[in-house]
Amino acid sequence: QVQLVESGGGLVQPGGSLRLSCAASGFTFSRYAMSWYRQAPGKERELVAGITRAGSTNYADSVKGRFTISRDNDKNTVYLQMNSLKPEDTAVYYCRANRPTSYDYWGQGTQVTVSS
């Protein structure tokens, strides 16, 4: 069964850092683009960062320069390093794996709360 399991969320003070992990199983990880989305209460789900099979990355303007997405194909894991966190980064963060013409998988999410 395909699984995407996020971890690493929690409570952090403004200006702090967190590293999210998404462990994938049940599919050929290296053949999928991976991405992180987030959804805050009352807000639309938005793309935070994405990484292609080849390692090309893209980021939402709101996190550019603060967040870094990376992947380790040997570990079937994608990461999101989040630095200089702001209260507006508070959201549930979701991991996504997709092949546009075939499959699209989502994790259950991990809560990130940025508050003093």
PDB file of N, CA and C in Angstrom:
ATOM      1  N   GLN A   1       0.840  -1.187   0.000  1.00  0.00           N
ATOM      2  CA  GLN A   1       0.000   0.000   0.000  1.00  0.00           C
ATOM      3  C   GLN A   1       0.883   1.248   0.000  1.00  0.00           C
ATOM      4  N   VAL A   2       0.505   2.214  -0.805  1.00  0.00           N
ATOM      5  CA  VAL A   2       1.231   3.469  -0.867  1.00  0.00           C
ATOM      6  C   VAL A   2       1.059   4.223   0.440  1.00  0.00           C
ATOM      7  N   GLN A   3       2.170   4.717   0.972  1.00  0.00           N
ATOM      8  CA  GLN A   3       2.132   5.504   2.188  1.00  0.00           C
ATOM      9  C   GLN A   3       3.080   6.681   2.103  1.00  0.00           C
ATOM     10  N   LEU A   4       2.626   7.816   2.589  1.00  0.00           N
ATOM     11  CA  LEU A   4       3.451   8.992   2.792  1.00  0.00           C
ATOM     12  C   LEU A   4       3.225   9.428   4.231  1.00  0.00           C
ATOM     13  N   VAL A   5       4.268   9.385   5.033  1.00  0.00           N
ATOM     14  CA  VAL A   5       4.139   9.659   6.454  1.00  0.00           C
ATOM     15  C   VAL A   5       5.017  10.845   6.820  1.00  0.00           C
ATOM     16  N   GLU A   6       4.371  11.943   7.188  1.00  0.00           N
ATOM     17  CA  GLU A   6       5.086  13.148   7.577  1.00  0.00           C
ATOM     18  C   GLU A   6       5.465  13.093   9.053  1.00  0.00           C
ATOM     19  N   SER A   7       6.575  13.721   9.377  1.00  0.00           N
ATOM     20  CA  SER A   7       6.998  13.848  10.760  1.00  0.00           C
ATOM     21  C   SER A   7       7.844  15.106  10.905  1.00  0.00           C
ATOM     22  N   GLY A   8       8.079  15.502  12.139  1.00  0.00           N
ATOM     23  CA  GLY A   8       8.944  16.634  12.415  1.00  0.00           C
ATOM     24  C   GLY A   8       8.232  17.916  12.773  1.00  0.00           C
ATOM     25  N   GLY A   9       6.924  17.913  12.694  1.00  0.00           N
ATOM     26  CA  GLY A   9       6.181  19.098  13.061  1.00  0.00           C
ATOM     27  C   GLY A   9       6.185  19.312  14.565  1.00  0.00           C
ATOM     28  N   GLY A  10       5.710  20.471  14.962  1.00  0.00           N
ATOM     29  CA  GLY A  10       5.649  20.787  16.374  1.00  0.00           C
ATOM     30  C   GLY A  10       5.505  22.267  16.607  1.00  0.00           C
ATOM     31  N   LEU A  11       5.731  22.661  17.836  1.00  0.00           N
ATOM     32  CA  LEU A  11       5.649  24.055  18.249  1.00  0.00           C
ATOM     33  C   LEU A  11       7.038  24.669  18.272  1.00  0.00           C
ATOM     34  N   VAL A  12       7.162  25.817  17.642  1.00  0.00           N
ATOM     35  CA  VAL A  12       8.444  26.504  17.587  1.00  0.00           C
ATOM     36  C   VAL A  12       8.210  28.004  17.709  1.00  0.00           C
ATOM     37  N   GLN A  13       9.170  28.705  18.275  1.00  0.00           N
ATOM     38  CA  GLN A  13       9.069  30.153  18.411  1.00  0.00           C
ATOM     39  C   GLN A  13       9.389  30.854  17.099  1.00  0.00           C
ATOM     40  N   PRO A  14       8.842  32.042  16.899  1.00  0.00           N
ATOM     41  CA  PRO A  14       9.211  32.813  15.699  1.00  0.00           C
ATOM     42  C   PRO A  14      10.721  32.956  15.592  1.00  0.00           C
ATOM     43  N   GLY A  15      11.213  32.792  14.374  1.00  0.00           N
ATOM     44  CA  GLY A  15      12.643  32.833  14.137  1.00  0.00           C
ATOM     45  C   GLY A  15      13.326  31.489  14.261  1.00  0.00           C
ATOM     46  N   GLY A  16      12.611  30.506  14.757  1.00  0.00           N
ATOM     47  CA  GLY A  16      13.172  29.184  14.932  1.00  0.00           C
ATOM     48  C   GLY A  16      13.137  28.354  13.670  1.00  0.00           C
ATOM     49  N   SER A  17      13.557  27.106  13.803  1.00  0.00           N
ATOM     50  CA  SER A  17      13.651  26.199  12.666  1.00  0.00           C
ATOM     51  C   SER A  17      13.018  24.859  12.974  1.00  0.00           C
ATOM     52  N   LEU A  18      12.531  24.218  11.935  1.00  0.00           N
ATOM     53  CA  LEU A  18      12.049  22.851  11.989  1.00  0.00           C
ATOM     54  C   LEU A  18      12.437  22.152  10.703  1.00  0.00           C
ATOM     55  N   ARG A  19      12.608  20.856  10.795  1.00  0.00           N
ATOM     56  CA  ARG A  19      12.846  20.049   9.610  1.00  0.00           C
ATOM     57  C   ARG A  19      11.776  18.973   9.517  1.00  0.00           C
ATOM     58  N   LEU A  20      10.974  19.056   8.472  1.00  0.00           N
ATOM     59  CA  LEU A  20       9.947  18.062   8.232  1.00  0.00           C
ATOM     60  C   LEU A  20      10.494  16.942   7.366  1.00  0.00           C
ATOM     61  N   SER A  21      10.019  15.744   7.634  1.00  0.00           N
ATOM     62  CA  SER A  21      10.378  14.588   6.835  1.00  0.00           C
ATOM     63  C   SER A  21       9.117  13.914   6.327  1.00  0.00           C
ATOM     64  N   CYS A  22       9.220  13.327   5.158  1.00  0.00           N
ATOM     65  CA  CYS A  22       8.134  12.547   4.592  1.00  0.00           C
ATOM     66  C   CYS A  22       8.709  11.240   4.100  1.00  0.00           C
ATOM     67  N   ALA A  23       8.357  10.166   4.770  1.00  0.00           N
ATOM     68  CA  ALA A  23       8.837   8.837   4.414  1.00  0.00           C
ATOM     69  C   ALA A  23       7.838   8.172   3.480  1.00  0.00           C
ATOM     70  N   ALA A  24       8.319   7.746   2.331  1.00  0.00           N
ATOM     71  CA  ALA A  24       7.461   7.170   1.304  1.00  0.00           C
ATOM     72  C   ALA A  24       7.694   5.669   1.174  1.00  0.00           C
ATOM     73  N   SER A  25       6.629   4.966   0.857  1.00  0.00           N
ATOM     74  CA  SER A  25       6.732   3.539   0.610  1.00  0.00           C
ATOM     75  C   SER A  25       5.598   3.099  -0.306  1.00  0.00           C
ATOM     76  N   GLY A  26       5.785   1.961  -0.955  1.00  0.00           N
ATOM     77  CA  GLY A  26       4.742   1.395  -1.785  1.00  0.00           C
ATOM     78  C   GLY A  26       4.754   1.837  -3.232  1.00  0.00           C
ATOM     79  N   PHE A  27       5.736   2.618  -3.622  1.00  0.00           N
ATOM     80  CA  PHE A  27       5.877   3.041  -5.008  1.00  0.00           C
ATOM     81  C   PHE A  27       7.330   3.367  -5.286  1.00  0.00           C
ATOM     82  N   THR A  28       7.638   3.565  -6.560  1.00  0.00           N
ATOM     83  CA  THR A  28       9.014   3.851  -6.948  1.00  0.00           C
ATOM     84  C   THR A  28       9.291   5.328  -6.739  1.00  0.00           C
ATOM     85  N   PHE A  29       9.810   5.633  -5.580  1.00  0.00           N
ATOM     86  CA  PHE A  29       9.980   7.010  -5.125  1.00  0.00           C
ATOM     87  C   PHE A  29      10.729   7.881  -6.128  1.00  0.00           C
ATOM     88  N   SER A  30      11.801   7.357  -6.687  1.00  0.00           N
ATOM     89  CA  SER A  30      12.665   8.153  -7.553  1.00  0.00           C
ATOM     90  C   SER A  30      11.986   8.601  -8.839  1.00  0.00           C
ATOM     91  N   ARG A  31      10.883   8.010  -9.180  1.00  0.00           N
ATOM     92  CA  ARG A  31      10.170   8.352 -10.403  1.00  0.00           C
ATOM     93  C   ARG A  31       9.091   9.412 -10.193  1.00  0.00           C
ATOM     94  N   TYR A  32       8.945   9.885  -8.976  1.00  0.00           N
ATOM     95  CA  TYR A  32       7.890  10.830  -8.651  1.00  0.00           C
ATOM     96  C   TYR A  32       8.436  12.195  -8.287  1.00  0.00           C
ATOM     97  N   ALA A  33       7.752  13.214  -8.753  1.00  0.00           N
ATOM     98  CA  ALA A  33       7.975  14.540  -8.212  1.00  0.00           C
ATOM     99  C   ALA A  33       7.395  14.587  -6.801  1.00  0.00           C
ATOM    100  N   MET A  34       8.057  15.315  -5.922  1.00  0.00           N
ATOM    101  CA  MET A  34       7.618  15.427  -4.543  1.00  0.00           C
ATOM    102  C   MET A  34       7.385  16.891  -4.201  1.00  0.00           C
ATOM    103  N   SER A  35       6.470  17.121  -3.301  1.00  0.00           N
ATOM    104  CA  SER A  35       6.187  18.495  -2.922  1.00  0.00           C
ATOM    105  C   SER A  35       5.617  18.563  -1.516  1.00  0.00           C
ATOM    106  N   TRP A  36       5.666  19.761  -0.970  1.00  0.00           N
ATOM    107  CA  TRP A  36       5.056  20.071   0.312  1.00  0.00           C
ATOM    108  C   TRP A  36       3.980  21.131   0.104  1.00  0.00           C
ATOM    109  N   TYR A  37       2.830  20.877   0.663  1.00  0.00           N
ATOM    110  CA  TYR A  37       1.740  21.829   0.705  1.00  0.00           C
ATOM    111  C   TYR A  37       1.425  22.152   2.155  1.00  0.00           C
ATOM    112  N   ARG A  38       0.709  23.230   2.365  1.00  0.00           N
ATOM    113  CA  ARG A  38       0.256  23.538   3.708  1.00  0.00           C
ATOM    114  C   ARG A  38      -1.138  24.135   3.666  1.00  0.00           C
ATOM    115  N   GLN A  39      -1.841  23.975   4.762  1.00  0.00           N
ATOM    116  CA  GLN A  39      -3.171  24.534   4.881  1.00  0.00           C
ATOM    117  C   GLN A  39      -3.370  25.054   6.299  1.00  0.00           C
ATOM    118  N   ALA A  40      -3.610  26.338   6.393  1.00  0.00           N
ATOM    119  CA  ALA A  40      -3.903  26.979   7.663  1.00  0.00           C
ATOM    120  C   ALA A  40      -5.407  27.017   7.867  1.00  0.00           C
ATOM    121  N   PRO A  41      -5.862  27.122   9.118  1.00  0.00           N
ATOM    122  CA  PRO A  41      -7.300  27.181   9.381  1.00  0.00           C
ATOM    123  C   PRO A  41      -7.967  28.309   8.601  1.00  0.00           C
ATOM    124  N   GLY A  42      -9.024  27.972   7.889  1.00  0.00           N
ATOM    125  CA  GLY A  42      -9.753  28.964   7.119  1.00  0.00           C
ATOM    126  C   GLY A  42      -9.087  29.408   5.839  1.00  0.00           C
ATOM    127  N   LYS A  43      -7.979  28.790   5.488  1.00  0.00           N
ATOM    128  CA  LYS A  43      -7.240  29.171   4.291  1.00  0.00           C
ATOM    129  C   LYS A  43      -7.239  28.044   3.261  1.00  0.00           C
ATOM    130  N   GLU A  44      -6.944  28.414   2.032  1.00  0.00           N
ATOM    131  CA  GLU A  44      -6.802  27.439   0.966  1.00  0.00           C
ATOM    132  C   GLU A  44      -5.478  26.697   1.108  1.00  0.00           C
ATOM    133  N   ARG A  45      -5.482  25.452   0.692  1.00  0.00           N
ATOM    134  CA  ARG A  45      -4.237  24.702   0.653  1.00  0.00           C
ATOM    135  C   ARG A  45      -3.328  25.284  -0.420  1.00  0.00           C
ATOM    136  N   GLU A  46      -2.069  25.454  -0.101  1.00  0.00           N
ATOM    137  CA  GLU A  46      -1.150  26.077  -1.031  1.00  0.00           C
ATOM    138  C   GLU A  46       0.137  25.281  -1.164  1.00  0.00           C
ATOM    139  N   LEU A  47       0.715  25.364  -2.333  1.00  0.00           N
ATOM    140  CA  LEU A  47       2.011  24.748  -2.582  1.00  0.00           C
ATOM    141  C   LEU A  47       3.094  25.542  -1.877  1.00  0.00           C
ATOM    142  N   VAL A  48       3.914  24.855  -1.118  1.00  0.00           N
ATOM    143  CA  VAL A  48       5.027  25.476  -0.413  1.00  0.00           C
ATOM    144  C   VAL A  48       6.326  25.299  -1.190  1.00  0.00           C
ATOM    145  N   ALA A  49       6.606  24.071  -1.580  1.00  0.00           N
ATOM    146  CA  ALA A  49       7.840  23.767  -2.287  1.00  0.00           C
ATOM    147  C   ALA A  49       7.683  22.473  -3.059  1.00  0.00           C
ATOM    148  N   GLY A  50       8.383  22.366  -4.166  1.00  0.00           N
ATOM    149  CA  GLY A  50       8.359  21.160  -4.962  1.00  0.00           C
ATOM    150  C   GLY A  50       9.747  20.809  -5.447  1.00  0.00           C
ATOM    151  N   ILE A  51       9.938  19.532  -5.714  1.00  0.00           N
ATOM    152  CA  ILE A  51      11.209  19.053  -6.250  1.00  0.00           C
ATOM    153  C   ILE A  51      10.927  17.965  -7.271  1.00  0.00           C
ATOM    154  N   THR A  52      11.559  18.080  -8.425  1.00  0.00           N
ATOM    155  CA  THR A  52      11.342  17.131  -9.501  1.00  0.00           C
ATOM    156  C   THR A  52      12.205  15.903  -9.329  1.00  0.00           C
ATOM    157  N   ARG A  53      11.999  14.947 -10.220  1.00  0.00           N
ATOM    158  CA  ARG A  53      12.831  13.753 -10.233  1.00  0.00           C
ATOM    159  C   ARG A  53      14.294  14.092 -10.421  1.00  0.00           C
ATOM    160  N   ALA A  54      14.554  15.147 -11.184  1.00  0.00           N
ATOM    161  CA  ALA A  54      15.915  15.563 -11.479  1.00  0.00           C
ATOM    162  C   ALA A  54      16.510  16.479 -10.423  1.00  0.00           C
ATOM    163  N   GLY A  55      15.707  16.881  -9.450  1.00  0.00           N
ATOM    164  CA  GLY A  55      16.212  17.715  -8.383  1.00  0.00           C
ATOM    165  C   GLY A  55      15.961  19.200  -8.535  1.00  0.00           C
ATOM    166  N   SER A  56      15.251  19.589  -9.578  1.00  0.00           N
ATOM    167  CA  SER A  56      14.886  20.984  -9.739  1.00  0.00           C
ATOM    168  C   SER A  56      13.844  21.363  -8.689  1.00  0.00           C
ATOM    169  N   THR A  57      13.986  22.539  -8.100  1.00  0.00           N
ATOM    170  CA  THR A  57      13.103  22.955  -7.017  1.00  0.00           C
ATOM    171  C   THR A  57      12.348  24.225  -7.355  1.00  0.00           C
ATOM    172  N   ASN A  58      11.221  24.393  -6.693  1.00  0.00           N
ATOM    173  CA  ASN A  58      10.468  25.629  -6.785  1.00  0.00           C
ATOM    174  C   ASN A  58       9.815  25.897  -5.433  1.00  0.00           C
ATOM    175  N   TYR A  59       9.583  27.187  -5.156  1.00  0.00           N
ATOM    176  CA  TYR A  59       9.080  27.595  -3.854  1.00  0.00           C
ATOM    177  C   TYR A  59       8.021  28.666  -3.995  1.00  0.00           C
ATOM    178  N   ALA A  60       7.111  28.664  -3.050  1.00  0.00           N
ATOM    179  CA  ALA A  60       6.197  29.782  -2.940  1.00  0.00           C
ATOM    180  C   ALA A  60       6.988  31.031  -2.572  1.00  0.00           C
ATOM    181  N   ASP A  61       6.550  32.164  -3.082  1.00  0.00           N
ATOM    182  CA  ASP A  61       7.251  33.410  -2.789  1.00  0.00           C
ATOM    183  C   ASP A  61       7.347  33.675  -1.283  1.00  0.00           C
ATOM    184  N   SER A  62       6.349  33.257  -0.544  1.00  0.00           N
ATOM    185  CA  SER A  62       6.297  33.526   0.882  1.00  0.00           C
ATOM    186  C   SER A  62       7.364  32.787   1.683  1.00  0.00           C
ATOM    187  N   VAL A  63       7.930  31.722   1.118  1.00  0.00           N
ATOM    188  CA  VAL A  63       8.925  30.943   1.843  1.00  0.00           C
ATOM    189  C   VAL A  63      10.291  30.963   1.185  1.00  0.00           C
ATOM    190  N   LYS A  64      10.386  31.574   0.035  1.00  0.00           N
ATOM    191  CA  LYS A  64      11.638  31.606  -0.710  1.00  0.00           C
ATOM    192  C   LYS A  64      12.741  32.242   0.127  1.00  0.00           C
ATOM    193  N   GLY A  65      13.870  31.569   0.184  1.00  0.00           N
ATOM    194  CA  GLY A  65      14.989  32.047   0.973  1.00  0.00           C
ATOM    195  C   GLY A  65      14.983  31.571   2.403  1.00  0.00           C
ATOM    196  N   ARG A  66      13.866  31.002   2.858  1.00  0.00           N
ATOM    197  CA  ARG A  66      13.761  30.503   4.222  1.00  0.00           C
ATOM    198  C   ARG A  66      13.627  28.989   4.285  1.00  0.00           C
ATOM    199  N   PHE A  67      12.949  28.416   3.296  1.00  0.00           N
ATOM    200  CA  PHE A  67      12.705  26.975   3.268  1.00  0.00           C
ATOM    201  C   PHE A  67      13.540  26.322   2.180  1.00  0.00           C
ATOM    202  N   THR A  68      13.903  25.072   2.415  1.00  0.00           N
ATOM    203  CA  THR A  68      14.634  24.292   1.433  1.00  0.00           C
ATOM    204  C   THR A  68      14.044  22.895   1.348  1.00  0.00           C
ATOM    205  N   ILE A  69      13.669  22.493   0.148  1.00  0.00           N
ATOM    206  CA  ILE A  69      13.190  21.131  -0.067  1.00  0.00           C
ATOM    207  C   ILE A  69      14.333  20.293  -0.622  1.00  0.00           C
ATOM    208  N   SER A  70      14.394  19.053  -0.186  1.00  0.00           N
ATOM    209  CA  SER A  70      15.409  18.140  -0.683  1.00  0.00           C
ATOM    210  C   SER A  70      14.856  16.726  -0.658  1.00  0.00           C
ATOM    211  N   ARG A  71      15.525  15.829  -1.354  1.00  0.00           N
ATOM    212  CA  ARG A  71      15.087  14.443  -1.357  1.00  0.00           C
ATOM    213  C   ARG A  71      16.276  13.519  -1.280  1.00  0.00           C
ATOM    214  N   ASP A  72      16.053  12.376  -0.677  1.00  0.00           N
ATOM    215  CA  ASP A  72      17.043  11.326  -0.582  1.00  0.00           C
ATOM    216  C   ASP A  72      16.403  10.071  -1.153  1.00  0.00           C
ATOM    217  N   ASN A  73      16.737   9.757  -2.392  1.00  0.00           N
ATOM    218  CA  ASN A  73      16.104   8.625  -3.054  1.00  0.00           C
ATOM    219  C   ASN A  73      16.502   7.285  -2.436  1.00  0.00           C
ATOM    220  N   ASP A  74      17.669   7.231  -1.820  1.00  0.00           N
ATOM    221  CA  ASP A  74      18.091   5.999  -1.156  1.00  0.00           C
ATOM    222  C   ASP A  74      17.245   5.712   0.077  1.00  0.00           C
ATOM    223  N   LYS A  75      16.751   6.764   0.707  1.00  0.00           N
ATOM    224  CA  LYS A  75      15.923   6.626   1.902  1.00  0.00           C
ATOM    225  C   LYS A  75      14.437   6.784   1.616  1.00  0.00           C
ATOM    226  N   ASN A  76      14.102   7.036   0.359  1.00  0.00           N
ATOM    227  CA  ASN A  76      12.701   7.275  -0.017  1.00  0.00           C
ATOM    228  C   ASN A  76      12.064   8.347   0.860  1.00  0.00           C
ATOM    229  N   THR A  77      12.791   9.432   1.028  1.00  0.00           N
ATOM    230  CA  THR A  77      12.354  10.482   1.936  1.00  0.00           C
ATOM    231  C   THR A  77      12.548  11.851   1.310  1.00  0.00           C
ATOM    232  N   VAL A  78      11.580  12.714   1.513  1.00  0.00           N
ATOM    233  CA  VAL A  78      11.689  14.105   1.120  1.00  0.00           C
ATOM    234  C   VAL A  78      11.652  14.955   2.382  1.00  0.00           C
ATOM    235  N   TYR A  79      12.410  16.044   2.376  1.00  0.00           N
ATOM    236  CA  TYR A  79      12.546  16.895   3.544  1.00  0.00           C
ATOM    237  C   TYR A  79      12.130  18.321   3.226  1.00  0.00           C
ATOM    238  N   LEU A  80      11.744  19.015   4.257  1.00  0.00           N
ATOM    239  CA  LEU A  80      11.525  20.449   4.154  1.00  0.00           C
ATOM    240  C   LEU A  80      12.204  21.111   5.342  1.00  0.00           C
ATOM    241  N   GLN A  81      13.317  21.762   5.085  1.00  0.00           N
ATOM    242  CA  GLN A  81      14.011  22.518   6.116  1.00  0.00           C
ATOM    243  C   GLN A  81      13.401  23.900   6.183  1.00  0.00           C
ATOM    244  N   MET A  82      12.897  24.273   7.335  1.00  0.00           N
ATOM    245  CA  MET A  82      12.208  25.539   7.519  1.00  0.00           C
ATOM    246  C   MET A  82      12.982  26.380   8.524  1.00  0.00           C
ATOM    247  N   ASN A  83      13.496  27.499   8.064  1.00  0.00           N
ATOM    248  CA  ASN A  83      14.241  28.423   8.910  1.00  0.00           C
ATOM    249  C   ASN A  83      13.513  29.752   9.004  1.00  0.00           C
ATOM    250  N   SER A  84      13.901  30.541   9.982  1.00  0.00           N
ATOM    251  CA  SER A  84      13.314  31.868  10.180  1.00  0.00           C
ATOM    252  C   SER A  84      11.798  31.818  10.161  1.00  0.00           C
ATOM    253  N   LEU A  85      11.253  30.893  10.915  1.00  0.00           N
ATOM    254  CA  LEU A  85       9.813  30.666  10.886  1.00  0.00           C
ATOM    255  C   LEU A  85       9.038  31.861  11.426  1.00  0.00           C
ATOM    256  N   LYS A  86       7.891  32.077  10.812  1.00  0.00           N
ATOM    257  CA  LYS A  86       7.001  33.169  11.160  1.00  0.00           C
ATOM    258  C   LYS A  86       5.655  32.612  11.603  1.00  0.00           C
ATOM    259  N   PRO A  87       4.904  33.373  12.399  1.00  0.00           N
ATOM    260  CA  PRO A  87       3.577  32.896  12.798  1.00  0.00           C
ATOM    261  C   PRO A  87       2.690  32.526  11.609  1.00  0.00           C
ATOM    262  N   GLU A  88       2.828  33.223  10.500  1.00  0.00           N
ATOM    263  CA  GLU A  88       2.019  32.920   9.330  1.00  0.00           C
ATOM    264  C   GLU A  88       2.389  31.605   8.650  1.00  0.00           C
ATOM    265  N   ASP A  89       3.469  30.975   9.099  1.00  0.00           N
ATOM    266  CA  ASP A  89       3.814  29.644   8.610  1.00  0.00           C
ATOM    267  C   ASP A  89       3.017  28.551   9.319  1.00  0.00           C
ATOM    268  N   THR A  90       2.288  28.920  10.350  1.00  0.00           N
ATOM    269  CA  THR A  90       1.484  27.951  11.084  1.00  0.00           C
ATOM    270  C   THR A  90       0.454  27.307  10.164  1.00  0.00           C
ATOM    271  N   ALA A  91       0.480  25.988  10.096  1.00  0.00           N
ATOM    272  CA  ALA A  91      -0.409  25.251   9.201  1.00  0.00           C
ATOM    273  C   ALA A  91      -0.170  23.763   9.387  1.00  0.00           C
ATOM    274  N   VAL A  92      -1.039  22.983   8.787  1.00  0.00           N
ATOM    275  CA  VAL A  92      -0.774  21.565   8.617  1.00  0.00           C
ATOM    276  C   VAL A  92      -0.020  21.399   7.307  1.00  0.00           C
ATOM    277  N   TYR A  93       1.107  20.731   7.373  1.00  0.00           N
ATOM    278  CA  TYR A  93       1.951  20.537   6.207  1.00  0.00           C
ATOM    279  C   TYR A  93       1.768  19.129   5.662  1.00  0.00           C
ATOM    280  N   TYR A  94       1.534  19.051   4.359  1.00  0.00           N
ATOM    281  CA  TYR A  94       1.257  17.787   3.692  1.00  0.00           C
ATOM    282  C   TYR A  94       2.328  17.466   2.661  1.00  0.00           C
ATOM    283  N   CYS A  95       2.683  16.221   2.606  1.00  0.00           N
ATOM    284  CA  CYS A  95       3.601  15.705   1.610  1.00  0.00           C
ATOM    285  C   CYS A  95       2.806  15.137   0.433  1.00  0.00           C
ATOM    286  N   ARG A  96       3.281  15.394  -0.782  1.00  0.00           N
ATOM    287  CA  ARG A  96       2.614  14.907  -1.976  1.00  0.00           C
ATOM    288  C   ARG A  96       3.610  14.257  -2.927  1.00  0.00           C
ATOM    289  N   ALA A  97       3.205  13.154  -3.504  1.00  0.00           N
ATOM    290  CA  ALA A  97       3.964  12.499  -4.557  1.00  0.00           C
ATOM    291  C   ALA A  97       3.068  12.400  -5.768  1.00  0.00           C
ATOM    292  N   ASN A  98       3.582  12.798  -6.922  1.00  0.00           N
ATOM    293  CA  ASN A  98       2.713  12.754  -8.088  1.00  0.00           C
ATOM    294  C   ASN A  98       3.437  12.432  -9.374  1.00  0.00           C
ATOM    295  N   ARG A  99       2.704  11.733 -10.215  1.00  0.00           N
ATOM    296  CA  ARG A  99       2.995  11.527 -11.614  1.00  0.00           C
ATOM    297  C   ARG A  99       1.753  12.001 -12.337  1.00  0.00           C
ATOM    298  N   PRO A 100       1.828  13.123 -13.037  1.00  0.00           N
ATOM    299  CA  PRO A 100       0.620  13.772 -13.575  1.00  0.00           C
ATOM    300  C   PRO A 100      -0.318  12.881 -14.382  1.00  0.00           C
ATOM    301  N   THR A 101       0.225  11.953 -15.127  1.00  0.00           N
ATOM    302  CA  THR A 101      -0.623  11.110 -15.970  1.00  0.00           C
ATOM    303  C   THR A 101      -0.927   9.756 -15.344  1.00  0.00           C
ATOM    304  N   SER A 102      -0.492   9.552 -14.096  1.00  0.00           N
ATOM    305  CA  SER A 102      -0.709   8.246 -13.492  1.00  0.00           C
ATOM    306  C   SER A 102      -1.267   8.331 -12.072  1.00  0.00           C
ATOM    307  N   TYR A 103      -0.429   8.727 -11.111  1.00  0.00           N
ATOM    308  CA  TYR A 103      -0.822   8.665  -9.710  1.00  0.00           C
ATOM    309  C   TYR A 103      -0.554   9.956  -8.964  1.00  0.00           C
ATOM    310  N   ASP A 104      -1.287  10.133  -7.890  1.00  0.00           N
ATOM    311  CA  ASP A 104      -1.190  11.315  -7.057  1.00  0.00           C
ATOM    312  C   ASP A 104      -1.473  10.888  -5.621  1.00  0.00           C
ATOM    313  N   TYR A 105      -0.457  10.973  -4.770  1.00  0.00           N
ATOM    314  CA  TYR A 105      -0.574  10.506  -3.395  1.00  0.00           C
ATOM    315  C   TYR A 105      -0.327  11.634  -2.405  1.00  0.00           C
ATOM    316  N   TRP A 106      -1.035  11.569  -1.288  1.00  0.00           N
ATOM    317  CA  TRP A 106      -0.931  12.576  -0.237  1.00  0.00           C
ATOM    318  C   TRP A 106      -0.721  11.927   1.116  1.00  0.00           C
ATOM    319  N   GLY A 107       0.081  12.567   1.946  1.00  0.00           N
ATOM    320  CA  GLY A 107       0.222  12.140   3.316  1.00  0.00           C
ATOM    321  C   GLY A 107      -0.891  12.688   4.180  1.00  0.00           C
ATOM    322  N   GLN A 108      -0.869  12.337   5.461  1.00  0.00           N
ATOM    323  CA  GLN A 108      -1.916  12.756   6.386  1.00  0.00           C
ATOM    324  C   GLN A 108      -1.667  14.129   6.998  1.00  0.00           C
ATOM    325  N   GLY A 109      -0.455  14.604   6.909  1.00  0.00           N
ATOM    326  CA  GLY A 109      -0.132  15.933   7.382  1.00  0.00           C
ATOM    327  C   GLY A 109       0.528  15.941   8.749  1.00  0.00           C
ATOM    328  N   THR A 110       1.287  16.993   9.004  1.00  0.00           N
ATOM    329  CA  THR A 110       1.903  17.218  10.300  1.00  0.00           C
ATOM    330  C   THR A 110       1.731  18.689  10.673  1.00  0.00           C
ATOM    331  N   GLN A 111       1.378  18.929  11.920  1.00  0.00           N
ATOM    332  CA  GLN A 111       1.088  20.281  12.374  1.00  0.00           C
ATOM    333  C   GLN A 111       2.363  21.046  12.689  1.00  0.00           C
ATOM    334  N   VAL A 112       2.448  22.245  12.152  1.00  0.00           N
ATOM    335  CA  VAL A 112       3.514  23.183  12.494  1.00  0.00           C
ATOM    336  C   VAL A 112       2.870  24.417  13.102  1.00  0.00           C
ATOM    337  N   THR A 113       3.282  24.745  14.308  1.00  0.00           N
ATOM    338  CA  THR A 113       2.759  25.922  14.982  1.00  0.00           C
ATOM    339  C   THR A 113       3.914  26.832  15.363  1.00  0.00           C
ATOM    340  N   VAL A 114       3.857  28.064  14.892  1.00  0.00           N
ATOM    341  CA  VAL A 114       4.892  29.055  15.174  1.00  0.00           C
ATOM    342  C   VAL A 114       4.278  30.114  16.079  1.00  0.00           C
ATOM    343  N   SER A 115       4.708  30.124  17.315  1.00  0.00           N
ATOM    344  CA  SER A 115       4.116  31.024  18.291  1.00  0.00           C
ATOM    345  C   SER A 115       5.082  31.254  19.442  1.00  0.00           C
ATOM    346  N   SER A 116       5.022  32.452  19.995  1.00  0.00           N
ATOM    347  CA  SER A 116       5.816  32.774  21.164  1.00  0.00           C
ATOM    348  C   SER A 116       5.040  32.540  22.447  1.00  0.00           C
TER     349      SER A 116
END
